[in-house]
Structure formats: C-alpha cells, structure tokens
Amino acid sequence: MRTTLTIEDGIASQLQDVARRSGRSFNAMVNEALRAGLQRGRLAASGKRYRVVPVAMGDVAGQQDLDQARRLADQLEDRELVRKAQPRK
C-alpha cells in the first residue's frame, strides 16, 4: 500500500543511518520499525493485568487535629518567602 507520512527529522535521520549501515532501503527500515513497534504493543497488551488490592490501614492520621501542624507549615513558608524577598548583603 502506498501512503504519505510525515516523519520527524530526527527519526528520519536515524532511519536513514540504519538503512545506510545495513544496506537496506529507507522504506524497508520504516516498515521494519513499524512492525517492531506494533509487535511490542501486542506483547504489552497481552501481558497480565496488574491489579491493586486496597487494604484498610486504620484511621487517617490517627484522628489527630492537623490544624496546628498546618499553621506551623504556613508560618515556616511565610518566613522563607520573607527571607527570599530581602535584599542580599
């Protein structure tokens, strides 16, 4: 089948280099690369699916009040912003 493709310059250069070194045509290299990519996709798709099984791990943060920790984090962030905004001596 004859078709028109737009191939990125870097990829086209790599294909041309490989074709030159191997003594094969550019078209043969494009077809080989496409075939390899499609085969790799089939292998990946046929692999066993990964499944995450959730596990209960108790209450989040042990029912601790995080407001004080948030206030402290805000204060530290504010101090750092002020320090960075001051002109260097």
PDB file of N, CA and C in Angstrom:
ATOM      1  N   MET A   1       0.847  -1.170   0.000  1.00  0.00           N
ATOM      2  CA  MET A   1       0.000   0.000   0.000  1.00  0.00           C
ATOM      3  C   MET A   1       0.898   1.240   0.000  1.00  0.00           C
ATOM      4  N   ARG A   2       0.530   2.197  -0.764  1.00  0.00           N
ATOM      5  CA  ARG A   2       1.304   3.422  -0.855  1.00  0.00           C
ATOM      6  C   ARG A   2       0.581   4.506  -0.057  1.00  0.00           C
ATOM      7  N   THR A   3       1.347   5.207   0.798  1.00  0.00           N
ATOM      8  CA  THR A   3       0.753   6.270   1.603  1.00  0.00           C
ATOM      9  C   THR A   3       1.799   7.355   1.855  1.00  0.00           C
ATOM     10  N   THR A   4       1.348   8.500   2.338  1.00  0.00           N
ATOM     11  CA  THR A   4       2.248   9.603   2.649  1.00  0.00           C
ATOM     12  C   THR A   4       2.324   9.759   4.160  1.00  0.00           C
ATOM     13  N   LEU A   5       3.542   9.822   4.676  1.00  0.00           N
ATOM     14  CA  LEU A   5       3.770  10.000   6.109  1.00  0.00           C
ATOM     15  C   LEU A   5       4.607  11.245   6.347  1.00  0.00           C
ATOM     16  N   THR A   6       4.391  11.889   7.475  1.00  0.00           N
ATOM     17  CA  THR A   6       5.272  12.957   7.909  1.00  0.00           C
ATOM     18  C   THR A   6       6.079  12.398   9.067  1.00  0.00           C
ATOM     19  N   ILE A   7       7.378  12.261   8.870  1.00  0.00           N
ATOM     20  CA  ILE A   7       8.269  11.679   9.873  1.00  0.00           C
ATOM     21  C   ILE A   7       9.142  12.796  10.424  1.00  0.00           C
ATOM     22  N   GLU A   8       9.251  12.852  11.730  1.00  0.00           N
ATOM     23  CA  GLU A   8      10.094  13.874  12.353  1.00  0.00           C
ATOM     24  C   GLU A   8      11.521  13.758  11.826  1.00  0.00           C
ATOM     25  N   ASP A   9      12.183  14.907  11.704  1.00  0.00           N
ATOM     26  CA  ASP A   9      13.525  14.940  11.125  1.00  0.00           C
ATOM     27  C   ASP A   9      14.506  14.013  11.839  1.00  0.00           C
ATOM     28  N   GLY A  10      14.505  14.036  13.166  1.00  0.00           N
ATOM     29  CA  GLY A  10      15.434  13.209  13.923  1.00  0.00           C
ATOM     30  C   GLY A  10      15.210  11.722  13.691  1.00  0.00           C
ATOM     31  N   ILE A  11      13.957  11.327  13.643  1.00  0.00           N
ATOM     32  CA  ILE A  11      13.631   9.912  13.414  1.00  0.00           C
ATOM     33  C   ILE A  11      14.010   9.519  12.000  1.00  0.00           C
ATOM     34  N   ALA A  12      13.725  10.392  11.043  1.00  0.00           N
ATOM     35  CA  ALA A  12      14.073  10.097   9.651  1.00  0.00           C
ATOM     36  C   ALA A  12      15.590   9.946   9.502  1.00  0.00           C
ATOM     37  N   SER A  13      16.346  10.797  10.189  1.00  0.00           N
ATOM     38  CA  SER A  13      17.812  10.702  10.130  1.00  0.00           C
ATOM     39  C   SER A  13      18.308   9.377  10.697  1.00  0.00           C
ATOM     40  N   GLN A  14      17.718   8.972  11.824  1.00  0.00           N
ATOM     41  CA  GLN A  14      18.109   7.698  12.426  1.00  0.00           C
ATOM     42  C   GLN A  14      17.792   6.534  11.489  1.00  0.00           C
ATOM     43  N   LEU A  15      16.602   6.564  10.881  1.00  0.00           N
ATOM     44  CA  LEU A  15      16.226   5.501   9.952  1.00  0.00           C
ATOM     45  C   LEU A  15      17.161   5.469   8.746  1.00  0.00           C
ATOM     46  N   GLN A  16      17.515   6.631   8.240  1.00  0.00           N
ATOM     47  CA  GLN A  16      18.422   6.693   7.086  1.00  0.00           C
ATOM     48  C   GLN A  16      19.803   6.155   7.449  1.00  0.00           C
ATOM     49  N   ASP A  17      20.289   6.491   8.654  1.00  0.00           N
ATOM     50  CA  ASP A  17      21.594   5.986   9.098  1.00  0.00           C
ATOM     51  C   ASP A  17      21.594   4.461   9.197  1.00  0.00           C
ATOM     52  N   VAL A  18      20.549   3.921   9.803  1.00  0.00           N
ATOM     53  CA  VAL A  18      20.459   2.468   9.951  1.00  0.00           C
ATOM     54  C   VAL A  18      20.339   1.804   8.583  1.00  0.00           C
ATOM     55  N   ALA A  19      19.560   2.409   7.703  1.00  0.00           N
ATOM     56  CA  ALA A  19      19.386   1.853   6.360  1.00  0.00           C
ATOM     57  C   ALA A  19      20.724   1.832   5.620  1.00  0.00           C
ATOM     58  N   ARG A  20      21.491   2.923   5.720  1.00  0.00           N
ATOM     59  CA  ARG A  20      22.790   3.000   5.059  1.00  0.00           C
ATOM     60  C   ARG A  20      23.750   1.939   5.595  1.00  0.00           C
ATOM     61  N   ARG A  21      23.806   1.836   6.930  1.00  0.00           N
ATOM     62  CA  ARG A  21      24.727   0.874   7.541  1.00  0.00           C
ATOM     63  C   ARG A  21      24.351  -0.576   7.237  1.00  0.00           C
ATOM     64  N   SER A  22      23.053  -0.842   7.132  1.00  0.00           N
ATOM     65  CA  SER A  22      22.611  -2.223   6.920  1.00  0.00           C
ATOM     66  C   SER A  22      22.490  -2.582   5.442  1.00  0.00           C
ATOM     67  N   GLY A  23      22.567  -1.576   4.569  1.00  0.00           N
ATOM     68  CA  GLY A  23      22.455  -1.835   3.136  1.00  0.00           C
ATOM     69  C   GLY A  23      21.021  -2.071   2.673  1.00  0.00           C
ATOM     70  N   ARG A  24      20.062  -1.701   3.515  1.00  0.00           N
ATOM     71  CA  ARG A  24      18.652  -1.846   3.134  1.00  0.00           C
ATOM     72  C   ARG A  24      18.081  -0.491   2.754  1.00  0.00           C
ATOM     73  N   SER A  25      16.897  -0.514   2.165  1.00  0.00           N
ATOM     74  CA  SER A  25      16.267   0.733   1.729  1.00  0.00           C
ATOM     75  C   SER A  25      15.599   1.442   2.911  1.00  0.00           C
ATOM     76  N   PHE A  26      15.385   2.737   2.724  1.00  0.00           N
ATOM     77  CA  PHE A  26      14.698   3.541   3.737  1.00  0.00           C
ATOM     78  C   PHE A  26      13.308   2.976   3.977  1.00  0.00           C
ATOM     79  N   ASN A  27      12.584   2.630   2.911  1.00  0.00           N
ATOM     80  CA  ASN A  27      11.236   2.074   3.049  1.00  0.00           C
ATOM     81  C   ASN A  27      11.259   0.781   3.861  1.00  0.00           C
ATOM     82  N   ALA A  28      12.251  -0.063   3.619  1.00  0.00           N
ATOM     83  CA  ALA A  28      12.347  -1.315   4.366  1.00  0.00           C
ATOM     84  C   ALA A  28      12.558  -1.030   5.849  1.00  0.00           C
ATOM     85  N   MET A  29      13.379  -0.018   6.160  1.00  0.00           N
ATOM     86  CA  MET A  29      13.642   0.320   7.557  1.00  0.00           C
ATOM     87  C   MET A  29      12.403   0.876   8.240  1.00  0.00           C
ATOM     88  N   VAL A  30      11.634   1.723   7.523  1.00  0.00           N
ATOM     89  CA  VAL A  30      10.396   2.268   8.090  1.00  0.00           C
ATOM     90  C   VAL A  30       9.431   1.126   8.391  1.00  0.00           C
ATOM     91  N   ASN A  31       9.275   0.208   7.440  1.00  0.00           N
ATOM     92  CA  ASN A  31       8.367  -0.920   7.651  1.00  0.00           C
ATOM     93  C   ASN A  31       8.833  -1.794   8.805  1.00  0.00           C
ATOM     94  N   GLU A  32      10.136  -2.023   8.911  1.00  0.00           N
ATOM     95  CA  GLU A  32      10.667  -2.847   9.993  1.00  0.00           C
ATOM     96  C   GLU A  32      10.422  -2.186  11.345  1.00  0.00           C
ATOM     97  N   ALA A  33      10.642  -0.880  11.417  1.00  0.00           N
ATOM     98  CA  ALA A  33      10.437  -0.153  12.671  1.00  0.00           C
ATOM     99  C   ALA A  33       8.958  -0.167  13.069  1.00  0.00           C
ATOM    100  N   LEU A  34       8.079   0.037  12.106  1.00  0.00           N
ATOM    101  CA  LEU A  34       6.642  -0.003  12.396  1.00  0.00           C
ATOM    102  C   LEU A  34       6.223  -1.393  12.859  1.00  0.00           C
ATOM    103  N   ARG A  35       6.726  -2.413  12.182  1.00  0.00           N
ATOM    104  CA  ARG A  35       6.402  -3.787  12.537  1.00  0.00           C
ATOM    105  C   ARG A  35       6.861  -4.097  13.967  1.00  0.00           C
ATOM    106  N   ALA A  36       8.077  -3.663  14.304  1.00  0.00           N
ATOM    107  CA  ALA A  36       8.606  -3.905  15.652  1.00  0.00           C
ATOM    108  C   ALA A  36       7.771  -3.173  16.705  1.00  0.00           C
ATOM    109  N   GLY A  37       7.374  -1.951  16.403  1.00  0.00           N
ATOM    110  CA  GLY A  37       6.553  -1.188  17.343  1.00  0.00           C
ATOM    111  C   GLY A  37       5.189  -1.826  17.553  1.00  0.00           C
ATOM    112  N   LEU A  38       4.590  -2.287  16.477  1.00  0.00           N
ATOM    113  CA  LEU A  38       3.295  -2.950  16.587  1.00  0.00           C
ATOM    114  C   LEU A  38       3.407  -4.258  17.359  1.00  0.00           C
ATOM    115  N   GLN A  39       4.462  -5.003  17.112  1.00  0.00           N
ATOM    116  CA  GLN A  39       4.679  -6.266  17.826  1.00  0.00           C
ATOM    117  C   GLN A  39       4.876  -6.008  19.313  1.00  0.00           C
ATOM    118  N   ARG A  40       5.654  -4.996  19.646  1.00  0.00           N
ATOM    119  CA  ARG A  40       5.890  -4.653  21.042  1.00  0.00           C
ATOM    120  C   ARG A  40       4.578  -4.273  21.719  1.00  0.00           C
ATOM    121  N   GLY A  41       3.718  -3.541  21.001  1.00  0.00           N
ATOM    122  CA  GLY A  41       2.414  -3.171  21.547  1.00  0.00           C
ATOM    123  C   GLY A  41       1.547  -4.383  21.812  1.00  0.00           C
ATOM    124  N   ARG A  42       1.603  -5.363  20.921  1.00  0.00           N
ATOM    125  CA  ARG A  42       0.829  -6.597  21.106  1.00  0.00           C
ATOM    126  C   ARG A  42       1.318  -7.358  22.325  1.00  0.00           C
ATOM    127  N   LEU A  43       2.628  -7.413  22.490  1.00  0.00           N
ATOM    128  CA  LEU A  43       3.180  -8.130  23.634  1.00  0.00           C
ATOM    129  C   LEU A  43       2.784  -7.451  24.944  1.00  0.00           C
ATOM    130  N   ALA A  44       2.840  -6.127  24.954  1.00  0.00           N
ATOM    131  CA  ALA A  44       2.477  -5.396  26.169  1.00  0.00           C
ATOM    132  C   ALA A  44       0.997  -5.555  26.469  1.00  0.00           C
ATOM    133  N   ALA A  45       0.157  -5.537  25.429  1.00  0.00           N
ATOM    134  CA  ALA A  45      -1.284  -5.648  25.622  1.00  0.00           C
ATOM    135  C   ALA A  45      -1.686  -7.048  26.072  1.00  0.00           C
ATOM    136  N   SER A  46      -0.905  -8.039  25.680  1.00  0.00           N
ATOM    137  CA  SER A  46      -1.269  -9.406  26.027  1.00  0.00           C
ATOM    138  C   SER A  46      -0.770  -9.810  27.415  1.00  0.00           C
ATOM    139  N   GLY A  47       0.022  -8.945  28.041  1.00  0.00           N
ATOM    140  CA  GLY A  47       0.555  -9.253  29.369  1.00  0.00           C
ATOM    141  C   GLY A  47      -0.549  -9.284  30.413  1.00  0.00           C
ATOM    142  N   LYS A  48      -0.230  -9.884  31.547  1.00  0.00           N
ATOM    143  CA  LYS A  48      -1.198  -9.992  32.628  1.00  0.00           C
ATOM    144  C   LYS A  48      -1.453  -8.609  33.222  1.00  0.00           C
ATOM    145  N   ARG A  49      -2.711  -8.302  33.456  1.00  0.00           N
ATOM    146  CA  ARG A  49      -3.076  -7.007  34.025  1.00  0.00           C
ATOM    147  C   ARG A  49      -2.637  -6.930  35.474  1.00  0.00           C
ATOM    148  N   TYR A  50      -2.184  -5.775  35.847  1.00  0.00           N
ATOM    149  CA  TYR A  50      -1.779  -5.518  37.222  1.00  0.00           C
ATOM    150  C   TYR A  50      -2.995  -5.025  37.982  1.00  0.00           C
ATOM    151  N   ARG A  51      -3.228  -5.581  39.141  1.00  0.00           N
ATOM    152  CA  ARG A  51      -4.398  -5.195  39.908  1.00  0.00           C
ATOM    153  C   ARG A  51      -3.968  -4.773  41.303  1.00  0.00           C
ATOM    154  N   VAL A  52      -4.476  -3.635  41.747  1.00  0.00           N
ATOM    155  CA  VAL A  52      -4.189  -3.142  43.085  1.00  0.00           C
ATOM    156  C   VAL A  52      -5.332  -3.579  43.999  1.00  0.00           C
ATOM    157  N   VAL A  53      -4.980  -4.210  45.094  1.00  0.00           N
ATOM    158  CA  VAL A  53      -5.988  -4.642  46.054  1.00  0.00           C
ATOM    159  C   VAL A  53      -5.903  -3.714  47.261  1.00  0.00           C
ATOM    160  N   PRO A  54      -6.948  -2.912  47.498  1.00  0.00           N
ATOM    161  CA  PRO A  54      -6.899  -1.987  48.635  1.00  0.00           C
ATOM    162  C   PRO A  54      -6.931  -2.738  49.964  1.00  0.00           C
ATOM    163  N   VAL A  55      -6.231  -2.185  50.952  1.00  0.00           N
ATOM    164  CA  VAL A  55      -6.165  -2.781  52.280  1.00  0.00           C
ATOM    165  C   VAL A  55      -6.476  -1.686  53.294  1.00  0.00           C
ATOM    166  N   ALA A  56      -7.373  -1.963  54.216  1.00  0.00           N
ATOM    167  CA  ALA A  56      -7.697  -0.995  55.263  1.00  0.00           C
ATOM    168  C   ALA A  56      -6.507  -0.868  56.196  1.00  0.00           C
ATOM    169  N   MET A  57      -6.105   0.372  56.480  1.00  0.00           N
ATOM    170  CA  MET A  57      -4.942   0.590  57.340  1.00  0.00           C
ATOM    171  C   MET A  57      -5.294   1.435  58.561  1.00  0.00           C
ATOM    172  N   GLY A  58      -6.543   1.484  58.909  1.00  0.00           N
ATOM    173  CA  GLY A  58      -6.947   2.237  60.093  1.00  0.00           C
ATOM    174  C   GLY A  58      -7.303   3.668  59.752  1.00  0.00           C
ATOM    175  N   ASP A  59      -7.500   4.457  60.798  1.00  0.00           N
ATOM    176  CA  ASP A  59      -7.903   5.849  60.631  1.00  0.00           C
ATOM    177  C   ASP A  59      -6.766   6.684  60.060  1.00  0.00           C
ATOM    178  N   VAL A  60      -7.131   7.681  59.289  1.00  0.00           N
ATOM    179  CA  VAL A  60      -6.158   8.588  58.713  1.00  0.00           C
ATOM    180  C   VAL A  60      -5.596   9.483  59.814  1.00  0.00           C
ATOM    181  N   ALA A  61      -4.297   9.544  59.915  1.00  0.00           N
ATOM    182  CA  ALA A  61      -3.572  10.394  60.871  1.00  0.00           C
ATOM    183  C   ALA A  61      -4.009  10.140  62.303  1.00  0.00           C
ATOM    184  N   GLY A  62      -4.549   8.973  62.606  1.00  0.00           N
ATOM    185  CA  GLY A  62      -4.895   8.625  63.981  1.00  0.00           C
ATOM    186  C   GLY A  62      -5.851   9.594  64.634  1.00  0.00           C
ATOM    187  N   GLN A  63      -6.711  10.193  63.843  1.00  0.00           N
ATOM    188  CA  GLN A  63      -7.704  11.153  64.350  1.00  0.00           C
ATOM    189  C   GLN A  63      -7.051  12.355  65.025  1.00  0.00           C
ATOM    190  N   GLN A  64      -5.841  12.710  64.598  1.00  0.00           N
ATOM    191  CA  GLN A  64      -5.142  13.861  65.163  1.00  0.00           C
ATOM    192  C   GLN A  64      -5.668  15.133  64.515  1.00  0.00           C
ATOM    193  N   ASP A  65      -5.659  16.209  65.292  1.00  0.00           N
ATOM    194  CA  ASP A  65      -6.046  17.514  64.763  1.00  0.00           C
ATOM    195  C   ASP A  65      -4.836  18.086  64.032  1.00  0.00           C
ATOM    196  N   LEU A  66      -4.969  18.261  62.732  1.00  0.00           N
ATOM    197  CA  LEU A  66      -3.837  18.717  61.922  1.00  0.00           C
ATOM    198  C   LEU A  66      -3.793  20.234  61.748  1.00  0.00           C
ATOM    199  N   ASP A  67      -4.725  20.950  62.354  1.00  0.00           N
ATOM    200  CA  ASP A  67      -4.754  22.407  62.192  1.00  0.00           C
ATOM    201  C   ASP A  67      -3.481  23.066  62.699  1.00  0.00           C
ATOM    202  N   GLN A  68      -2.971  22.628  63.846  1.00  0.00           N
ATOM    203  CA  GLN A  68      -1.755  23.231  64.398  1.00  0.00           C
ATOM    204  C   GLN A  68      -0.570  22.976  63.467  1.00  0.00           C
ATOM    205  N   ALA A  69      -0.470  21.771  62.923  1.00  0.00           N
ATOM    206  CA  ALA A  69       0.624  21.448  62.002  1.00  0.00           C
ATOM    207  C   ALA A  69       0.526  22.297  60.737  1.00  0.00           C
ATOM    208  N   ARG A  70      -0.695  22.503  60.261  1.00  0.00           N
ATOM    209  CA  ARG A  70      -0.882  23.346  59.064  1.00  0.00           C
ATOM    210  C   ARG A  70      -0.486  24.788  59.338  1.00  0.00           C
ATOM    211  N   ARG A  71      -0.867  25.299  60.527  1.00  0.00           N
ATOM    212  CA  ARG A  71      -0.498  26.681  60.883  1.00  0.00           C
ATOM    213  C   ARG A  71       1.022  26.814  60.945  1.00  0.00           C
ATOM    214  N   LEU A  72       1.692  25.838  61.545  1.00  0.00           N
ATOM    215  CA  LEU A  72       3.142  25.863  61.643  1.00  0.00           C
ATOM    216  C   LEU A  72       3.771  25.830  60.248  1.00  0.00           C
ATOM    217  N   ALA A  73       3.252  24.978  59.368  1.00  0.00           N
ATOM    218  CA  ALA A  73       3.776  24.903  58.000  1.00  0.00           C
ATOM    219  C   ALA A  73       3.579  26.234  57.284  1.00  0.00           C
ATOM    220  N   ASP A  74       2.429  26.873  57.480  1.00  0.00           N
ATOM    221  CA  ASP A  74       2.172  28.183  56.867  1.00  0.00           C
ATOM    222  C   ASP A  74       3.158  29.230  57.386  1.00  0.00           C
ATOM    223  N   GLN A  75       3.413  29.223  58.689  1.00  0.00           N
ATOM    224  CA  GLN A  75       4.342  30.189  59.270  1.00  0.00           C
ATOM    225  C   GLN A  75       5.758  29.986  58.722  1.00  0.00           C
ATOM    226  N   LEU A  76       6.184  28.738  58.642  1.00  0.00           N
ATOM    227  CA  LEU A  76       7.521  28.463  58.113  1.00  0.00           C
ATOM    228  C   LEU A  76       7.631  28.886  56.647  1.00  0.00           C
ATOM    229  N   GLU A  77       6.579  28.644  55.884  1.00  0.00           N
ATOM    230  CA  GLU A  77       6.590  29.046  54.475  1.00  0.00           C
ATOM    231  C   GLU A  77       6.632  30.563  54.357  1.00  0.00           C
ATOM    232  N   ASP A  78       5.849  31.264  55.191  1.00  0.00           N
ATOM    233  CA  ASP A  78       5.852  32.731  55.167  1.00  0.00           C
ATOM    234  C   ASP A  78       7.234  33.282  55.505  1.00  0.00           C
ATOM    235  N   ARG A  79       7.885  32.709  56.533  1.00  0.00           N
ATOM    236  CA  ARG A  79       9.223  33.161  56.903  1.00  0.00           C
ATOM    237  C   ARG A  79      10.213  32.977  55.751  1.00  0.00           C
ATOM    238  N   GLU A  80      10.115  31.845  55.075  1.00  0.00           N
ATOM    239  CA  GLU A  80      11.017  31.575  53.958  1.00  0.00           C
ATOM    240  C   GLU A  80      10.786  32.554  52.819  1.00  0.00           C
ATOM    241  N   LEU A  81       9.522  32.884  52.543  1.00  0.00           N
ATOM    242  CA  LEU A  81       9.216  33.846  51.486  1.00  0.00           C
ATOM    243  C   LEU A  81       9.771  35.227  51.821  1.00  0.00           C
ATOM    244  N   VAL A  82       9.641  35.626  53.083  1.00  0.00           N
ATOM    245  CA  VAL A  82      10.172  36.921  53.517  1.00  0.00           C
ATOM    246  C   VAL A  82      11.692  36.919  53.395  1.00  0.00           C
ATOM    247  N   ARG A  83      12.336  35.819  53.822  1.00  0.00           N
ATOM    248  CA  ARG A  83      13.797  35.719  53.740  1.00  0.00           C
ATOM    249  C   ARG A  83      14.274  35.840  52.297  1.00  0.00           C
ATOM    250  N   LYS A  84      13.580  35.191  51.384  1.00  0.00           N
ATOM    251  CA  LYS A  84      13.974  35.238  49.978  1.00  0.00           C
ATOM    252  C   LYS A  84      13.731  36.610  49.366  1.00  0.00           C
ATOM    253  N   ALA A  85      12.747  37.334  49.871  1.00  0.00           N
ATOM    254  CA  ALA A  85      12.420  38.646  49.319  1.00  0.00           C
ATOM    255  C   ALA A  85      13.368  39.748  49.802  1.00  0.00           C
ATOM    256  N   GLN A  86      14.083  39.507  50.909  1.00  0.00           N
ATOM    257  CA  GLN A  86      15.000  40.512  51.436  1.00  0.00           C
ATOM    258  C   GLN A  86      16.221  40.612  50.557  1.00  0.00           C
ATOM    259  N   PRO A  87      16.713  41.846  50.348  1.00  0.00           N
ATOM    260  CA  PRO A  87      17.906  42.012  49.533  1.00  0.00           C
ATOM    261  C   PRO A  87      19.121  41.393  50.230  1.00  0.00           C
ATOM    262  N   ARG A  88      19.996  40.833  49.432  1.00  0.00           N
ATOM    263  CA  ARG A  88      21.207  40.201  49.982  1.00  0.00           C
ATOM    264  C   ARG A  88      22.231  41.264  50.317  1.00  0.00           C
ATOM    265  N   LYS A  89      23.008  41.000  51.339  1.00  0.00           N
ATOM    266  CA  LYS A  89      24.025  41.972  51.787  1.00  0.00           C
ATOM    267  C   LYS A  89      25.369  41.609  51.252  1.00  0.00           C
TER     268      LYS A  89
END
